[in-house]
N, C-alpha and C. Protein backbone atom coordinates (compact mmCIF):
# COMPACT_ATOMS: atom_id res chain seq x y z
N MET A 1 31.33 15.38 23.86
CA MET A 1 31.28 15.03 22.46
C MET A 1 30.86 13.57 22.31
N VAL A 2 29.97 13.31 21.41
CA VAL A 2 29.48 11.96 21.18
C VAL A 2 30.24 11.34 20.02
N ARG A 3 30.71 10.14 20.23
CA ARG A 3 31.42 9.42 19.17
C ARG A 3 30.53 8.30 18.67
N ILE A 4 30.42 8.22 17.39
CA ILE A 4 29.65 7.14 16.78
C ILE A 4 30.63 6.20 16.11
N THR A 5 30.60 4.95 16.52
CA THR A 5 31.52 3.98 15.94
C THR A 5 30.94 3.45 14.64
N ILE A 6 31.79 2.87 13.84
CA ILE A 6 31.35 2.27 12.58
C ILE A 6 30.37 1.14 12.87
N ALA A 7 30.61 0.37 13.91
CA ALA A 7 29.69 -0.72 14.26
C ALA A 7 28.31 -0.17 14.59
N ALA A 8 28.24 0.94 15.31
CA ALA A 8 26.95 1.54 15.64
C ALA A 8 26.25 2.03 14.38
N LEU A 9 26.99 2.62 13.46
CA LEU A 9 26.40 3.08 12.20
C LEU A 9 25.86 1.92 11.38
N LEU A 10 26.62 0.83 11.33
CA LEU A 10 26.16 -0.35 10.58
C LEU A 10 24.91 -0.95 11.22
N ALA A 11 24.87 -1.01 12.53
CA ALA A 11 23.70 -1.53 13.23
C ALA A 11 22.48 -0.67 12.95
N PHE A 12 22.66 0.65 12.97
CA PHE A 12 21.56 1.57 12.67
C PHE A 12 21.11 1.40 11.23
N ALA A 13 22.05 1.25 10.31
CA ALA A 13 21.70 1.07 8.89
C ALA A 13 20.92 -0.21 8.69
N ALA A 14 21.28 -1.27 9.40
CA ALA A 14 20.55 -2.53 9.29
C ALA A 14 19.12 -2.38 9.77
N LEU A 15 18.93 -1.65 10.86
CA LEU A 15 17.58 -1.42 11.38
C LEU A 15 16.78 -0.53 10.44
N ALA A 16 17.43 0.46 9.87
CA ALA A 16 16.74 1.41 9.00
C ALA A 16 16.26 0.75 7.72
N THR A 17 16.94 -0.31 7.28
CA THR A 17 16.56 -0.97 6.04
C THR A 17 15.75 -2.23 6.27
N ALA A 18 15.37 -2.51 7.52
CA ALA A 18 14.60 -3.71 7.81
C ALA A 18 13.26 -3.67 7.07
N ILE A 19 12.90 -4.79 6.53
CA ILE A 19 11.67 -4.91 5.75
C ILE A 19 10.53 -5.29 6.69
N THR A 20 9.41 -4.63 6.54
CA THR A 20 8.19 -5.01 7.26
C THR A 20 7.08 -5.14 6.23
N PRO A 21 6.18 -6.09 6.42
CA PRO A 21 5.10 -6.28 5.45
C PRO A 21 4.16 -5.09 5.39
N ASN A 22 3.64 -4.84 4.21
CA ASN A 22 2.64 -3.81 4.00
C ASN A 22 1.31 -4.32 4.54
N VAL A 23 0.73 -3.64 5.52
CA VAL A 23 -0.49 -4.12 6.17
C VAL A 23 -1.73 -4.00 5.29
N ALA A 24 -1.63 -3.29 4.17
CA ALA A 24 -2.79 -3.18 3.28
C ALA A 24 -3.21 -4.54 2.74
N GLY A 25 -2.30 -5.49 2.71
CA GLY A 25 -2.62 -6.83 2.22
C GLY A 25 -2.92 -7.83 3.31
N ALA A 26 -3.26 -7.36 4.49
CA ALA A 26 -3.47 -8.26 5.63
C ALA A 26 -4.52 -9.34 5.34
N GLN A 27 -5.51 -9.03 4.53
CA GLN A 27 -6.56 -10.01 4.25
C GLN A 27 -6.04 -11.21 3.47
N ASN A 28 -4.86 -11.11 2.87
CA ASN A 28 -4.30 -12.21 2.08
C ASN A 28 -3.32 -13.09 2.86
N VAL A 29 -2.98 -12.69 4.07
CA VAL A 29 -2.02 -13.46 4.87
C VAL A 29 -2.64 -14.78 5.29
N GLY A 30 -1.99 -15.86 4.92
CA GLY A 30 -2.46 -17.20 5.29
C GLY A 30 -3.57 -17.75 4.41
N ALA A 31 -3.99 -17.01 3.39
CA ALA A 31 -5.07 -17.49 2.51
C ALA A 31 -4.61 -18.63 1.62
N GLY A 32 -3.34 -18.63 1.25
CA GLY A 32 -2.79 -19.72 0.43
C GLY A 32 -3.30 -19.75 -0.99
N ASN A 33 -3.86 -18.64 -1.47
CA ASN A 33 -4.44 -18.61 -2.81
C ASN A 33 -3.64 -17.78 -3.82
N GLY A 34 -2.42 -17.40 -3.46
CA GLY A 34 -1.55 -16.66 -4.37
C GLY A 34 -2.02 -15.26 -4.68
N ALA A 35 -2.83 -14.67 -3.80
CA ALA A 35 -3.38 -13.34 -4.05
C ALA A 35 -2.55 -12.21 -3.45
N GLN A 36 -1.57 -12.53 -2.62
CA GLN A 36 -0.81 -11.46 -1.95
C GLN A 36 0.17 -10.79 -2.91
N PHE A 37 0.22 -9.47 -2.83
CA PHE A 37 1.11 -8.68 -3.68
C PHE A 37 2.52 -8.62 -3.07
N ILE A 38 3.49 -8.23 -3.89
CA ILE A 38 4.86 -8.06 -3.42
C ILE A 38 4.88 -6.96 -2.36
N THR A 39 5.55 -7.20 -1.29
CA THR A 39 5.69 -6.40 -0.06
C THR A 39 4.60 -6.71 0.96
N GLY A 40 3.61 -7.52 0.60
CA GLY A 40 2.58 -7.92 1.56
C GLY A 40 3.08 -9.06 2.43
N GLY A 41 2.46 -9.26 3.56
CA GLY A 41 2.85 -10.32 4.48
C GLY A 41 2.46 -11.69 3.97
N CYS A 42 3.15 -12.71 4.46
CA CYS A 42 2.86 -14.09 4.05
C CYS A 42 3.32 -15.05 5.15
N VAL A 43 2.76 -16.24 5.13
CA VAL A 43 3.22 -17.30 6.03
C VAL A 43 3.88 -18.43 5.25
N ALA A 44 3.72 -18.43 3.92
CA ALA A 44 4.33 -19.44 3.04
C ALA A 44 4.23 -18.95 1.60
N ASN A 45 4.98 -19.60 0.72
CA ASN A 45 4.98 -19.22 -0.70
C ASN A 45 3.59 -19.19 -1.31
N ALA A 46 2.69 -20.07 -0.88
CA ALA A 46 1.35 -20.16 -1.47
C ALA A 46 0.54 -18.88 -1.30
N ASP A 47 0.89 -18.03 -0.35
CA ASP A 47 0.18 -16.76 -0.17
C ASP A 47 0.49 -15.76 -1.28
N CYS A 48 1.67 -15.84 -1.86
CA CYS A 48 2.20 -14.79 -2.74
C CYS A 48 1.91 -15.02 -4.22
N SER A 49 1.54 -13.94 -4.92
CA SER A 49 1.34 -14.03 -6.36
C SER A 49 2.67 -14.33 -7.05
N SER A 50 3.77 -13.98 -6.41
CA SER A 50 5.10 -14.25 -6.96
C SER A 50 5.62 -15.64 -6.58
N ALA A 51 4.87 -16.37 -5.75
CA ALA A 51 5.26 -17.68 -5.23
C ALA A 51 6.57 -17.62 -4.45
N CYS A 52 6.85 -16.45 -3.84
CA CYS A 52 8.08 -16.27 -3.05
C CYS A 52 7.76 -15.54 -1.76
N CYS A 53 7.69 -16.29 -0.67
CA CYS A 53 7.55 -15.70 0.66
C CYS A 53 8.96 -15.67 1.23
N ALA A 54 9.54 -14.48 1.29
CA ALA A 54 10.92 -14.33 1.74
C ALA A 54 10.98 -14.07 3.24
N ASP A 55 12.01 -14.62 3.86
CA ASP A 55 12.26 -14.42 5.29
C ASP A 55 12.92 -13.06 5.50
N ALA A 56 12.23 -12.18 6.18
CA ALA A 56 12.78 -10.86 6.52
C ALA A 56 12.94 -10.81 8.03
N SER A 57 13.99 -11.45 8.52
CA SER A 57 14.28 -11.53 9.96
C SER A 57 13.14 -12.16 10.75
N GLY A 58 12.66 -13.30 10.26
CA GLY A 58 11.63 -14.04 10.96
C GLY A 58 10.21 -13.64 10.62
N VAL A 59 10.05 -12.74 9.65
CA VAL A 59 8.73 -12.30 9.20
C VAL A 59 8.64 -12.56 7.70
N GLY A 60 7.53 -13.10 7.24
CA GLY A 60 7.36 -13.39 5.83
C GLY A 60 6.90 -12.16 5.05
N VAL A 61 7.58 -11.90 3.93
CA VAL A 61 7.22 -10.79 3.05
C VAL A 61 7.26 -11.31 1.62
N CYS A 62 6.15 -11.15 0.88
CA CYS A 62 6.13 -11.57 -0.51
C CYS A 62 7.14 -10.73 -1.29
N SER A 63 7.92 -11.42 -2.11
CA SER A 63 9.01 -10.78 -2.81
C SER A 63 9.10 -11.32 -4.23
N ALA A 64 9.65 -10.52 -5.11
CA ALA A 64 10.00 -11.04 -6.43
C ALA A 64 11.20 -11.96 -6.23
N GLU A 65 11.28 -13.02 -7.00
CA GLU A 65 12.39 -13.96 -6.85
C GLU A 65 13.73 -13.24 -7.04
N ALA A 66 13.79 -12.30 -7.96
CA ALA A 66 15.03 -11.57 -8.22
C ALA A 66 15.44 -10.68 -7.05
N ALA A 67 14.50 -10.37 -6.16
CA ALA A 67 14.78 -9.48 -5.02
C ALA A 67 14.76 -10.21 -3.69
N GLN A 68 14.78 -11.53 -3.70
CA GLN A 68 14.61 -12.30 -2.47
C GLN A 68 15.73 -12.13 -1.45
N PHE A 69 16.89 -11.61 -1.86
CA PHE A 69 18.00 -11.39 -0.93
C PHE A 69 18.30 -9.91 -0.72
N GLN A 70 17.46 -9.03 -1.23
CA GLN A 70 17.70 -7.60 -1.08
C GLN A 70 17.14 -7.08 0.24
N ASN A 71 17.73 -6.01 0.72
CA ASN A 71 17.27 -5.30 1.93
C ASN A 71 17.16 -6.20 3.15
N GLY A 72 18.09 -7.12 3.29
CA GLY A 72 18.13 -7.96 4.48
C GLY A 72 17.25 -9.20 4.42
N LYS A 73 16.58 -9.44 3.31
CA LYS A 73 15.77 -10.66 3.20
C LYS A 73 16.69 -11.87 3.02
N ASN A 74 16.21 -13.02 3.47
CA ASN A 74 17.02 -14.24 3.46
C ASN A 74 16.53 -15.29 2.48
N GLY A 75 15.83 -14.89 1.44
CA GLY A 75 15.44 -15.82 0.40
C GLY A 75 14.02 -16.33 0.50
N CYS A 76 13.56 -16.88 -0.61
CA CYS A 76 12.20 -17.44 -0.72
C CYS A 76 12.06 -18.70 0.13
N ASP A 77 10.88 -19.26 0.12
CA ASP A 77 10.54 -20.51 0.79
C ASP A 77 10.43 -20.40 2.31
N PHE A 78 10.18 -19.18 2.81
CA PHE A 78 9.97 -18.99 4.24
C PHE A 78 8.65 -19.66 4.63
N VAL A 79 8.66 -20.38 5.71
CA VAL A 79 7.45 -20.96 6.30
C VAL A 79 7.42 -20.44 7.74
N ASP A 80 6.41 -19.66 8.04
CA ASP A 80 6.32 -19.01 9.35
C ASP A 80 6.07 -20.04 10.44
N PRO A 81 7.00 -20.18 11.40
CA PRO A 81 6.78 -21.14 12.48
C PRO A 81 5.68 -20.70 13.43
N ASN A 82 5.31 -19.44 13.36
CA ASN A 82 4.24 -18.89 14.19
C ASN A 82 3.04 -18.49 13.32
N ALA A 83 2.74 -19.31 12.32
CA ALA A 83 1.71 -18.98 11.33
C ALA A 83 0.36 -18.66 11.98
N ALA A 84 -0.06 -19.43 12.97
CA ALA A 84 -1.36 -19.19 13.60
C ALA A 84 -1.42 -17.80 14.21
N ALA A 85 -0.37 -17.40 14.91
CA ALA A 85 -0.34 -16.07 15.53
C ALA A 85 -0.26 -14.97 14.46
N THR A 86 0.50 -15.21 13.40
CA THR A 86 0.63 -14.23 12.32
C THR A 86 -0.72 -14.03 11.62
N ILE A 87 -1.42 -15.13 11.36
CA ILE A 87 -2.74 -15.05 10.71
C ILE A 87 -3.73 -14.35 11.63
N ALA A 88 -3.70 -14.65 12.92
CA ALA A 88 -4.59 -13.97 13.87
C ALA A 88 -4.32 -12.47 13.90
N ALA A 89 -3.05 -12.09 13.88
CA ALA A 89 -2.69 -10.66 13.88
C ALA A 89 -3.16 -10.00 12.58
N ALA A 90 -3.05 -10.72 11.47
CA ALA A 90 -3.51 -10.17 10.18
C ALA A 90 -5.02 -9.99 10.19
N LYS A 91 -5.74 -10.95 10.75
CA LYS A 91 -7.21 -10.82 10.84
C LYS A 91 -7.59 -9.64 11.71
N ALA A 92 -6.85 -9.42 12.79
CA ALA A 92 -7.12 -8.26 13.65
C ALA A 92 -6.85 -6.96 12.89
N GLN A 93 -5.82 -6.95 12.06
CA GLN A 93 -5.51 -5.78 11.24
C GLN A 93 -6.63 -5.51 10.24
N VAL A 94 -7.14 -6.56 9.63
CA VAL A 94 -8.25 -6.43 8.68
C VAL A 94 -9.47 -5.83 9.39
N ALA A 95 -9.77 -6.32 10.58
CA ALA A 95 -10.92 -5.79 11.34
C ALA A 95 -10.69 -4.32 11.67
N LYS A 96 -9.47 -3.98 12.04
CA LYS A 96 -9.14 -2.59 12.36
C LYS A 96 -9.30 -1.69 11.13
N GLN A 97 -8.91 -2.21 9.97
CA GLN A 97 -9.01 -1.44 8.73
C GLN A 97 -10.44 -1.38 8.21
N GLY A 98 -11.27 -2.33 8.61
CA GLY A 98 -12.66 -2.36 8.16
C GLY A 98 -12.87 -3.09 6.86
N PHE A 99 -11.85 -3.84 6.40
CA PHE A 99 -12.00 -4.60 5.16
C PHE A 99 -12.79 -5.88 5.45
N LYS A 100 -13.51 -6.33 4.45
CA LYS A 100 -14.22 -7.60 4.57
C LYS A 100 -13.88 -8.45 3.36
N ARG A 101 -13.81 -9.74 3.57
CA ARG A 101 -13.65 -10.66 2.45
C ARG A 101 -15.05 -11.05 2.01
N VAL A 102 -15.34 -10.84 0.77
CA VAL A 102 -16.65 -11.19 0.22
C VAL A 102 -16.43 -12.21 -0.87
N VAL A 103 -17.06 -13.36 -0.73
CA VAL A 103 -16.98 -14.38 -1.78
C VAL A 103 -18.34 -14.41 -2.47
N ARG A 104 -18.31 -14.06 -3.73
CA ARG A 104 -19.55 -14.02 -4.51
C ARG A 104 -19.89 -15.40 -5.04
N ALA A 105 -21.09 -15.59 -5.51
CA ALA A 105 -21.54 -16.87 -6.04
C ALA A 105 -20.63 -17.35 -7.17
N SER A 106 -20.02 -16.42 -7.90
CA SER A 106 -19.12 -16.78 -9.01
C SER A 106 -17.79 -17.33 -8.50
N GLY A 107 -17.54 -17.19 -7.20
CA GLY A 107 -16.28 -17.61 -6.62
C GLY A 107 -15.25 -16.49 -6.56
N TYR A 108 -15.60 -15.35 -7.17
CA TYR A 108 -14.71 -14.19 -7.16
C TYR A 108 -14.70 -13.56 -5.78
N GLU A 109 -13.49 -13.24 -5.28
CA GLU A 109 -13.37 -12.56 -4.01
C GLU A 109 -13.09 -11.09 -4.27
N GLY A 110 -13.73 -10.23 -3.55
CA GLY A 110 -13.46 -8.81 -3.74
C GLY A 110 -13.78 -8.00 -2.53
């Protein structure tokens, strides 16, 4: 018979609710132009349209200010100490997805 302790259940629940950035916004990671959507990855507040890059266990996730402590997040103002590696990984994800950043003469990115 297998016994599951309360500590094991809590540890599993913490892992199950861990926040990970939505990779669909990889092209906005590290751009610093406030274009990243909520749940997208970030390396600092400047990436996020909400101006809140929340620490989710050492990973930046754009969050609404009202939700900055939900689901294990540790609040806004996260600055990724490994920003260069995070940005490189995001660029690799963009290449894998086949997205391109296009800057038109008007300055509009799409």
